[in-house]
Every structure is written in C-alpha cells, then in structure tokens.
Amino acid sequence: MKFSRFLLVILLLTPIFTDCQYKDYNFNSLDQNLWHIQTPSQGDGYVYDYFFRLCSPLIDADFENSEDCKCCLFEVWSYTNPMGIQVDQYPNHTDYFCRTMGVQNPPVWGESNGLPYVIYSGGYYDRRMKIQFVCDENANGYVKSVSESKDTSTIYTLQLATNIVCEESSKKLSGGWVFIIIITAGTVLYCGIGIPYKKFAKHETGKNILPNSGFWSSLPGLISDGFKYVFSGCKKKNATYETI
C-alpha cells in the first residue's frame, strides 16, 4: 500500500509533456539546454555574449557559477520568467552590462521560409528575442549566428540549427506520440483481453467485469491519500481513533 501510494505521488508530480512544441515539431530535447553564443568585437572593443533558453525560463542555477555573465543573476531576479540575456563586456575590464532580451509572456510562434521561429518580447526597453530554426541534418542543436536589428525596439535574431526541422526528420514520430501510441495499444489489449476473460471465465458481472476492478475502485482514494501525503510535507501522521 505504501509503495502504491508513493508510486502514485511520483506519477502525479512528474510532467509527461512540456509545451515546447509547434505543429508537428517537438523541441523538448532542445529545451534542456542553456544556449550560448559569443560574438567578437565589432570595432567598439566590446565582446557580446548571448544566453537563452528555448521554452523554459532562465533560472538562478544557470548563472550561479558563471564567469561570463556576472550580472545575469540580477536580470533573472529583476524580470519574471526571462528567456534570454545579452551581456556586454569591455576587454580587460570587470564591468558587465546585462540586458534581458525577452520574457515568457507567452511566446509567439510562426514560420519563415517554411521553417519555424518563436519570438519573446517584453525585454529591456521592449527588446525582443527571435529564435529562428534552421535545418542541419547532422546537428542535434547549436547556435549558428546572432544578429540585431531595430524597428520600434531592438530585435535579437538567434539562429538555432537542428535536424528536428529538416523535412525528413520532421516526418518521424516524436517521443510524445510514441508514448501515446503505446498507452493506447496497451489499454486496448488490457480491456480487450481482460473483460472477456472476467466475463466468460470468471462469470463476473457489473463493475467486477473490469480487469483489476478492486484497484480501479480504490484509485480515487489513493489519489486523495497521495495529495494529503505530499501536502503534509511527506510526514507520517500518527494514527488516532478518529483516523482509524
């Protein structure tokens, strides 16, 4: 019983999918990384670093031990769900200038020349960050280039190369769809074999015709116990006459 409760709590608290998807493209694998690209001085003496994530916001742990972004933690603390940070550093100086390029509020997805992109806005002085995907059959993911442009505000365009957006790769089933197919097929087999067996071999009727009917009947109580256990700080509650 304790093991079943523990397993149920883990399943309830573990996310199966993230929302890092656009149409048939599944970018969950790319969302695990903190992406970074550095550009050399353009004659002004500064070195520019760009840090960003794809779908999940930047967190403290991304920069706690970073020597390249000493002011990034302040940006993480100053903005709600920052997605990217630009860092200016003058060579041989310890001064860093950080600017948030966009926040998660929510993202805007689209396509350009048949390839997807995502835009985050709401950065420093209304800055925006555009992540443009480009095809590279041999790449799991790398930042190919970065550029800046201006209309009403600064727009950072970061090219993220990956084989996910290549035509042949995009036709493959994603891990999420494979999981759904397995669960669906398993459910069909579970009911298709279990119900006839319970009915004709065991001569069960009503709800007892379901395979493992006792477990499914107790499932709501297990879910309730699991949430109570988590919200109590995973502490064992002393038994009393009332709880028994």
C-alpha atoms as a PDB file:
ATOM      1  CA  MET A   1       0.000   0.000   0.000  1.00  0.00           C
ATOM      2  CA  LYS A   2       2.797   2.405   0.893  1.00  0.00           C
ATOM      3  CA  PHE A   3       4.628   1.611  -2.336  1.00  0.00           C
ATOM      4  CA  SER A   4       1.454   2.128  -4.404  1.00  0.00           C
ATOM      5  CA  ARG A   5       0.876   5.485  -2.722  1.00  0.00           C
ATOM      6  CA  PHE A   6       4.473   6.564  -3.309  1.00  0.00           C
ATOM      7  CA  LEU A   7       4.352   5.494  -6.967  1.00  0.00           C
ATOM      8  CA  LEU A   8       1.087   7.336  -7.487  1.00  0.00           C
ATOM      9  CA  VAL A   9       2.520  10.548  -5.999  1.00  0.00           C
ATOM     10  CA  ILE A  10       5.537  10.336  -8.315  1.00  0.00           C
ATOM     11  CA  LEU A  11       3.294   9.880 -11.353  1.00  0.00           C
ATOM     12  CA  LEU A  12       1.132  12.815 -10.326  1.00  0.00           C
ATOM     13  CA  LEU A  13       4.057  15.161  -9.815  1.00  0.00           C
ATOM     14  CA  THR A  14       6.136  14.144 -12.847  1.00  0.00           C
ATOM     15  CA  PRO A  15       5.202  16.033 -16.028  1.00  0.00           C
ATOM     16  CA  ILE A  16       4.860  13.757 -19.064  1.00  0.00           C
ATOM     17  CA  PHE A  17       4.969  16.501 -21.694  1.00  0.00           C
ATOM     18  CA  THR A  18       6.188  20.038 -21.906  1.00  0.00           C
ATOM     19  CA  ASP A  19       4.649  22.685 -24.116  1.00  0.00           C
ATOM     20  CA  CYS A  20       7.808  23.103 -26.217  1.00  0.00           C
ATOM     21  CA  GLN A  21       6.075  22.078 -29.414  1.00  0.00           C
ATOM     22  CA  TYR A  22       4.878  23.789 -32.562  1.00  0.00           C
ATOM     23  CA  LYS A  23       2.655  21.959 -35.040  1.00  0.00           C
ATOM     24  CA  ASP A  24       4.444  18.658 -35.800  1.00  0.00           C
ATOM     25  CA  TYR A  25       7.766  19.849 -34.386  1.00  0.00           C
ATOM     26  CA  ASN A  26       8.762  18.620 -30.939  1.00  0.00           C
ATOM     27  CA  PHE A  27      11.534  20.736 -29.381  1.00  0.00           C
ATOM     28  CA  ASN A  28      11.524  19.159 -25.903  1.00  0.00           C
ATOM     29  CA  SER A  29      15.068  17.816 -26.318  1.00  0.00           C
ATOM     30  CA  LEU A  30      16.373  21.311 -27.138  1.00  0.00           C
ATOM     31  CA  ASP A  31      14.647  22.842 -24.124  1.00  0.00           C
ATOM     32  CA  GLN A  32      17.021  21.003 -21.774  1.00  0.00           C
ATOM     33  CA  ASN A  33      19.958  23.248 -22.728  1.00  0.00           C
ATOM     34  CA  LEU A  34      21.142  26.714 -21.803  1.00  0.00           C
ATOM     35  CA  TRP A  35      22.195  28.079 -25.203  1.00  0.00           C
ATOM     36  CA  HIS A  36      25.112  30.467 -25.571  1.00  0.00           C
ATOM     37  CA  ILE A  37      26.913  32.278 -28.358  1.00  0.00           C
ATOM     38  CA  GLN A  38      29.675  34.902 -28.187  1.00  0.00           C
ATOM     39  CA  THR A  39      30.430  37.416 -30.891  1.00  0.00           C
ATOM     40  CA  PRO A  40      33.738  39.265 -31.216  1.00  0.00           C
ATOM     41  CA  SER A  41      34.149  42.981 -31.020  1.00  0.00           C
ATOM     42  CA  GLN A  42      32.671  44.976 -33.878  1.00  0.00           C
ATOM     43  CA  GLY A  43      35.290  47.692 -33.512  1.00  0.00           C
ATOM     44  CA  ASP A  44      33.909  49.147 -30.298  1.00  0.00           C
ATOM     45  CA  GLY A  45      36.067  46.961 -28.055  1.00  0.00           C
ATOM     46  CA  TYR A  46      33.154  45.078 -26.530  1.00  0.00           C
ATOM     47  CA  VAL A  47      32.603  41.335 -26.513  1.00  0.00           C
ATOM     48  CA  TYR A  48      28.971  40.260 -26.672  1.00  0.00           C
ATOM     49  CA  ASP A  49      27.527  37.131 -25.092  1.00  0.00           C
ATOM     50  CA  TYR A  50      24.004  35.840 -25.573  1.00  0.00           C
ATOM     51  CA  PHE A  51      22.395  33.321 -23.216  1.00  0.00           C
ATOM     52  CA  PHE A  52      18.920  31.937 -23.783  1.00  0.00           C
ATOM     53  CA  ARG A  53      16.560  29.033 -23.354  1.00  0.00           C
ATOM     54  CA  LEU A  54      14.005  27.792 -25.825  1.00  0.00           C
ATOM     55  CA  CYS A  55      10.767  27.310 -23.856  1.00  0.00           C
ATOM     56  CA  SER A  56      11.600  27.152 -20.147  1.00  0.00           C
ATOM     57  CA  PRO A  57      12.677  30.431 -18.489  1.00  0.00           C
ATOM     58  CA  LEU A  58      16.178  31.110 -17.218  1.00  0.00           C
ATOM     59  CA  ILE A  59      16.789  30.220 -13.574  1.00  0.00           C
ATOM     60  CA  ASP A  60      19.349  31.083 -10.887  1.00  0.00           C
ATOM     61  CA  ALA A  61      21.225  27.807 -11.359  1.00  0.00           C
ATOM     62  CA  ASP A  62      22.063  28.752 -14.970  1.00  0.00           C
ATOM     63  CA  PHE A  63      24.406  31.511 -13.770  1.00  0.00           C
ATOM     64  CA  GLU A  64      25.406  30.764 -10.188  1.00  0.00           C
ATOM     65  CA  ASN A  65      28.948  29.754 -11.220  1.00  0.00           C
ATOM     66  CA  SER A  66      29.189  31.712 -14.448  1.00  0.00           C
ATOM     67  CA  GLU A  67      32.265  33.842 -15.096  1.00  0.00           C
ATOM     68  CA  ASP A  68      30.876  35.069 -18.427  1.00  0.00           C
ATOM     69  CA  CYS A  69      27.712  36.557 -17.012  1.00  0.00           C
ATOM     70  CA  LYS A  70      28.300  38.042 -13.572  1.00  0.00           C
ATOM     71  CA  CYS A  71      25.283  40.314 -13.814  1.00  0.00           C
ATOM     72  CA  CYS A  72      22.891  37.718 -15.234  1.00  0.00           C
ATOM     73  CA  LEU A  73      21.586  36.692 -11.829  1.00  0.00           C
ATOM     74  CA  PHE A  74      20.350  40.243 -11.278  1.00  0.00           C
ATOM     75  CA  GLU A  75      18.424  40.055 -14.557  1.00  0.00           C
ATOM     76  CA  VAL A  76      16.892  36.720 -13.544  1.00  0.00           C
ATOM     77  CA  TRP A  77      15.770  38.269 -10.268  1.00  0.00           C
ATOM     78  CA  SER A  78      14.539  41.501 -11.884  1.00  0.00           C
ATOM     79  CA  TYR A  79      12.303  40.002 -14.584  1.00  0.00           C
ATOM     80  CA  THR A  80       9.508  37.450 -14.403  1.00  0.00           C
ATOM     81  CA  ASN A  81      10.455  34.390 -16.470  1.00  0.00           C
ATOM     82  CA  PRO A  82      13.304  35.875 -18.548  1.00  0.00           C
ATOM     83  CA  MET A  83      14.092  33.836 -21.663  1.00  0.00           C
ATOM     84  CA  GLY A  84      17.333  35.434 -22.866  1.00  0.00           C
ATOM     85  CA  ILE A  85      20.062  37.816 -21.717  1.00  0.00           C
ATOM     86  CA  GLN A  86      22.617  39.829 -23.689  1.00  0.00           C
ATOM     87  CA  VAL A  87      25.900  40.619 -21.947  1.00  0.00           C
ATOM     88  CA  ASP A  88      28.366  43.361 -22.968  1.00  0.00           C
ATOM     89  CA  GLN A  89      31.906  43.203 -21.614  1.00  0.00           C
ATOM     90  CA  TYR A  90      34.749  45.557 -22.342  1.00  0.00           C
ATOM     91  CA  PRO A  91      38.020  43.614 -22.717  1.00  0.00           C
ATOM     92  CA  ASN A  92      40.325  43.679 -19.668  1.00  0.00           C
ATOM     93  CA  HIS A  93      37.546  45.193 -17.563  1.00  0.00           C
ATOM     94  CA  THR A  94      35.353  43.613 -14.918  1.00  0.00           C
ATOM     95  CA  ASP A  95      32.305  45.659 -15.853  1.00  0.00           C
ATOM     96  CA  TYR A  96      29.415  43.700 -17.329  1.00  0.00           C
ATOM     97  CA  PHE A  97      26.247  45.171 -18.816  1.00  0.00           C
ATOM     98  CA  CYS A  98      23.279  42.796 -18.932  1.00  0.00           C
ATOM     99  CA  ARG A  99      20.036  43.294 -20.826  1.00  0.00           C
ATOM    100  CA  THR A 100      17.077  40.933 -20.849  1.00  0.00           C
ATOM    101  CA  MET A 101      16.166  40.151 -24.467  1.00  0.00           C
ATOM    102  CA  GLY A 102      12.638  38.855 -23.822  1.00  0.00           C
ATOM    103  CA  VAL A 103      10.358  37.171 -21.313  1.00  0.00           C
ATOM    104  CA  GLN A 104       7.874  34.313 -21.433  1.00  0.00           C
ATOM    105  CA  ASN A 105       4.593  36.196 -21.782  1.00  0.00           C
ATOM    106  CA  PRO A 106       3.603  33.975 -23.785  1.00  0.00           C
ATOM    107  CA  PRO A 107       5.720  33.212 -26.870  1.00  0.00           C
ATOM    108  CA  VAL A 108       4.607  33.889 -30.436  1.00  0.00           C
ATOM    109  CA  TRP A 109       5.242  31.016 -32.848  1.00  0.00           C
ATOM    110  CA  GLY A 110       5.320  31.334 -36.615  1.00  0.00           C
ATOM    111  CA  GLU A 111       7.094  30.285 -39.790  1.00  0.00           C
ATOM    112  CA  SER A 112       9.520  31.989 -42.135  1.00  0.00           C
ATOM    113  CA  ASN A 113      10.506  30.374 -45.448  1.00  0.00           C
ATOM    114  CA  GLY A 114       8.929  27.143 -44.279  1.00  0.00           C
ATOM    115  CA  LEU A 115      10.901  26.996 -41.014  1.00  0.00           C
ATOM    116  CA  PRO A 116       9.507  27.708 -37.548  1.00  0.00           C
ATOM    117  CA  TYR A 117      10.512  30.515 -35.221  1.00  0.00           C
ATOM    118  CA  VAL A 118       9.489  31.736 -31.787  1.00  0.00           C
ATOM    119  CA  ILE A 119       9.504  35.331 -30.511  1.00  0.00           C
ATOM    120  CA  TYR A 120       9.711  36.521 -26.911  1.00  0.00           C
ATOM    121  CA  SER A 121       9.002  40.168 -26.136  1.00  0.00           C
ATOM    122  CA  GLY A 122       8.903  42.360 -23.030  1.00  0.00           C
ATOM    123  CA  GLY A 123      12.658  42.658 -22.522  1.00  0.00           C
ATOM    124  CA  TYR A 124      14.774  45.641 -21.509  1.00  0.00           C
ATOM    125  CA  TYR A 125      13.248  48.744 -23.155  1.00  0.00           C
ATOM    126  CA  ASP A 126      10.801  46.477 -25.065  1.00  0.00           C
ATOM    127  CA  ARG A 127      13.565  44.358 -26.570  1.00  0.00           C
ATOM    128  CA  ARG A 128      12.505  41.181 -28.386  1.00  0.00           C
ATOM    129  CA  MET A 129      14.243  37.888 -28.986  1.00  0.00           C
ATOM    130  CA  LYS A 130      13.528  35.802 -32.075  1.00  0.00           C
ATOM    131  CA  ILE A 131      14.789  32.226 -32.208  1.00  0.00           C
ATOM    132  CA  GLN A 132      14.831  31.145 -35.848  1.00  0.00           C
ATOM    133  CA  PHE A 133      15.279  27.429 -36.501  1.00  0.00           C
ATOM    134  CA  VAL A 134      17.436  26.344 -39.417  1.00  0.00           C
ATOM    135  CA  CYS A 135      17.958  22.861 -40.817  1.00  0.00           C
ATOM    136  CA  ASP A 136      21.169  20.930 -40.242  1.00  0.00           C
ATOM    137  CA  GLU A 137      20.794  17.163 -40.763  1.00  0.00           C
ATOM    138  CA  ASN A 138      23.916  16.433 -38.714  1.00  0.00           C
ATOM    139  CA  ALA A 139      23.134  18.638 -35.729  1.00  0.00           C
ATOM    140  CA  ASN A 140      21.301  17.904 -32.505  1.00  0.00           C
ATOM    141  CA  GLY A 141      21.400  21.650 -31.890  1.00  0.00           C
ATOM    142  CA  TYR A 142      23.819  24.592 -31.855  1.00  0.00           C
ATOM    143  CA  VAL A 143      23.582  28.379 -32.106  1.00  0.00           C
ATOM    144  CA  LYS A 144      24.622  29.244 -35.637  1.00  0.00           C
ATOM    145  CA  SER A 145      24.518  33.037 -35.544  1.00  0.00           C
ATOM    146  CA  VAL A 146      23.073  36.117 -33.887  1.00  0.00           C
ATOM    147  CA  SER A 147      22.131  39.490 -35.316  1.00  0.00           C
ATOM    148  CA  GLU A 148      20.475  42.674 -34.120  1.00  0.00           C
ATOM    149  CA  SER A 149      18.009  44.925 -35.889  1.00  0.00           C
ATOM    150  CA  LYS A 150      15.713  47.770 -34.902  1.00  0.00           C
ATOM    151  CA  ASP A 151      12.247  48.984 -35.766  1.00  0.00           C
ATOM    152  CA  THR A 152      10.439  50.382 -32.741  1.00  0.00           C
ATOM    153  CA  SER A 153      12.831  48.470 -30.466  1.00  0.00           C
ATOM    154  CA  THR A 154      15.848  46.183 -30.635  1.00  0.00           C
ATOM    155  CA  ILE A 155      15.244  42.687 -32.029  1.00  0.00           C
ATOM    156  CA  TYR A 156      17.786  39.922 -31.444  1.00  0.00           C
ATOM    157  CA  THR A 157      17.623  37.112 -34.005  1.00  0.00           C
ATOM    158  CA  LEU A 158      19.353  33.910 -32.957  1.00  0.00           C
ATOM    159  CA  GLN A 159      19.611  31.058 -35.440  1.00  0.00           C
ATOM    160  CA  LEU A 160      19.320  27.639 -33.800  1.00  0.00           C
ATOM    161  CA  ALA A 161      20.445  24.827 -36.108  1.00  0.00           C
ATOM    162  CA  THR A 162      18.881  21.405 -35.610  1.00  0.00           C
ATOM    163  CA  ASN A 163      17.860  18.328 -37.583  1.00  0.00           C
ATOM    164  CA  ILE A 164      14.399  18.481 -35.978  1.00  0.00           C
ATOM    165  CA  VAL A 165      13.193  20.991 -38.576  1.00  0.00           C
ATOM    166  CA  CYS A 166      14.665  19.137 -41.551  1.00  0.00           C
ATOM    167  CA  GLU A 167      11.972  17.688 -43.799  1.00  0.00           C
ATOM    168  CA  GLU A 168      12.807  14.013 -43.303  1.00  0.00           C
ATOM    169  CA  SER A 169      13.391  14.345 -39.565  1.00  0.00           C
ATOM    170  CA  SER A 170      10.126  16.213 -39.015  1.00  0.00           C
ATOM    171  CA  LYS A 171       8.199  13.274 -40.506  1.00  0.00           C
ATOM    172  CA  LYS A 172       9.390  10.971 -37.730  1.00  0.00           C
ATOM    173  CA  LEU A 173       7.115  10.347 -34.762  1.00  0.00           C
ATOM    174  CA  SER A 174       8.063  12.336 -31.696  1.00  0.00           C
ATOM    175  CA  GLY A 175       8.594  10.709 -28.322  1.00  0.00           C
ATOM    176  CA  GLY A 176       5.230  12.063 -27.152  1.00  0.00           C
ATOM    177  CA  TRP A 177       3.329  10.371 -29.984  1.00  0.00           C
ATOM    178  CA  VAL A 178       5.198   7.106 -29.429  1.00  0.00           C
ATOM    179  CA  PHE A 179       4.175   7.254 -25.763  1.00  0.00           C
ATOM    180  CA  ILE A 180       0.510   7.901 -26.680  1.00  0.00           C
ATOM    181  CA  ILE A 181       0.501   5.004 -29.166  1.00  0.00           C
ATOM    182  CA  ILE A 182       1.994   2.633 -26.589  1.00  0.00           C
ATOM    183  CA  ILE A 183      -0.515   3.673 -23.903  1.00  0.00           C
ATOM    184  CA  THR A 184      -3.457   3.392 -26.340  1.00  0.00           C
ATOM    185  CA  ALA A 185      -2.391  -0.023 -27.615  1.00  0.00           C
ATOM    186  CA  GLY A 186      -1.782  -1.237 -24.066  1.00  0.00           C
ATOM    187  CA  THR A 187      -5.222  -0.035 -22.937  1.00  0.00           C
ATOM    188  CA  VAL A 188      -6.932  -1.786 -25.854  1.00  0.00           C
ATOM    189  CA  LEU A 189      -5.134  -5.054 -25.105  1.00  0.00           C
ATOM    190  CA  TYR A 190      -5.763  -4.690 -21.373  1.00  0.00           C
ATOM    191  CA  CYS A 191      -9.520  -4.286 -21.832  1.00  0.00           C
ATOM    192  CA  GLY A 192      -9.846  -6.477 -24.926  1.00  0.00           C
ATOM    193  CA  ILE A 193      -8.348  -9.489 -23.153  1.00  0.00           C
ATOM    194  CA  GLY A 194      -9.279  -8.769 -19.541  1.00  0.00           C
ATOM    195  CA  ILE A 195     -13.003  -8.069 -19.951  1.00  0.00           C
ATOM    196  CA  PRO A 196     -13.860 -11.249 -21.959  1.00  0.00           C
ATOM    197  CA  TYR A 197     -11.766 -13.292 -19.508  1.00  0.00           C
ATOM    198  CA  LYS A 198     -13.579 -11.884 -16.459  1.00  0.00           C
ATOM    199  CA  LYS A 199     -16.969 -12.323 -18.108  1.00  0.00           C
ATOM    200  CA  PHE A 200     -16.698 -15.803 -19.628  1.00  0.00           C
ATOM    201  CA  ALA A 201     -14.040 -17.489 -17.497  1.00  0.00           C
ATOM    202  CA  LYS A 202     -14.818 -15.913 -14.108  1.00  0.00           C
ATOM    203  CA  HIS A 203     -18.533 -15.194 -14.804  1.00  0.00           C
ATOM    204  CA  GLU A 204     -18.247 -11.714 -13.304  1.00  0.00           C
ATOM    205  CA  THR A 205     -20.903  -9.043 -13.848  1.00  0.00           C
ATOM    206  CA  GLY A 206     -21.283  -5.303 -13.340  1.00  0.00           C
ATOM    207  CA  LYS A 207     -18.187  -3.309 -12.460  1.00  0.00           C
ATOM    208  CA  ASN A 208     -16.377  -6.503 -11.474  1.00  0.00           C
ATOM    209  CA  ILE A 209     -16.085  -7.319 -15.159  1.00  0.00           C
ATOM    210  CA  LEU A 210     -13.238  -4.794 -15.398  1.00  0.00           C
ATOM    211  CA  PRO A 211      -9.699  -6.187 -15.008  1.00  0.00           C
ATOM    212  CA  ASN A 212      -8.305  -5.342 -11.547  1.00  0.00           C
ATOM    213  CA  SER A 213     -11.627  -3.786 -10.598  1.00  0.00           C
ATOM    214  CA  GLY A 214     -10.561  -3.539  -6.960  1.00  0.00           C
ATOM    215  CA  PHE A 215      -7.619  -1.330  -7.849  1.00  0.00           C
ATOM    216  CA  TRP A 216      -9.668   0.992 -10.075  1.00  0.00           C
ATOM    217  CA  SER A 217     -12.337   1.298  -7.359  1.00  0.00           C
ATOM    218  CA  SER A 218      -9.706   2.331  -4.819  1.00  0.00           C
ATOM    219  CA  LEU A 219      -7.890   4.716  -7.218  1.00  0.00           C
ATOM    220  CA  PRO A 220      -9.758   7.904  -6.139  1.00  0.00           C
ATOM    221  CA  GLY A 221      -8.836   7.156  -2.518  1.00  0.00           C
ATOM    222  CA  LEU A 222      -5.205   6.525  -3.462  1.00  0.00           C
ATOM    223  CA  ILE A 223      -5.064   9.847  -5.308  1.00  0.00           C
ATOM    224  CA  SER A 224      -6.552  11.634  -2.309  1.00  0.00           C
ATOM    225  CA  ASP A 225      -4.090   9.934   0.062  1.00  0.00           C
ATOM    226  CA  GLY A 226      -1.214  10.833  -2.236  1.00  0.00           C
ATOM    227  CA  PHE A 227      -2.059  14.537  -2.258  1.00  0.00           C
ATOM    228  CA  LYS A 228      -2.587  14.562   1.502  1.00  0.00           C
ATOM    229  CA  TYR A 229       0.791  12.898   1.991  1.00  0.00           C
ATOM    230  CA  VAL A 230       2.561  15.461  -0.221  1.00  0.00           C
ATOM    231  CA  PHE A 231       0.849  18.498   1.300  1.00  0.00           C
ATOM    232  CA  SER A 232       1.648  17.260   4.792  1.00  0.00           C
ATOM    233  CA  GLY A 233       5.343  17.527   3.956  1.00  0.00           C
ATOM    234  CA  CYS A 234       5.681  13.766   3.363  1.00  0.00           C
ATOM    235  CA  LYS A 235       5.471  13.234   7.127  1.00  0.00           C
ATOM    236  CA  LYS A 236       3.920  10.141   8.599  1.00  0.00           C
ATOM    237  CA  LYS A 237       0.763  11.046  10.509  1.00  0.00           C
ATOM    238  CA  ASN A 238       0.248   9.496  13.944  1.00  0.00           C
ATOM    239  CA  ALA A 239      -2.761   7.212  13.985  1.00  0.00           C
ATOM    240  CA  THR A 240      -5.677   8.167  16.215  1.00  0.00           C
ATOM    241  CA  TYR A 241      -9.072   6.686  16.862  1.00  0.00           C
ATOM    242  CA  GLU A 242     -10.586   9.275  14.506  1.00  0.00           C
ATOM    243  CA  THR A 243      -8.244   8.487  11.578  1.00  0.00           C
ATOM    244  CA  ILE A 244      -8.639   4.722  12.070  1.00  0.00           C
END
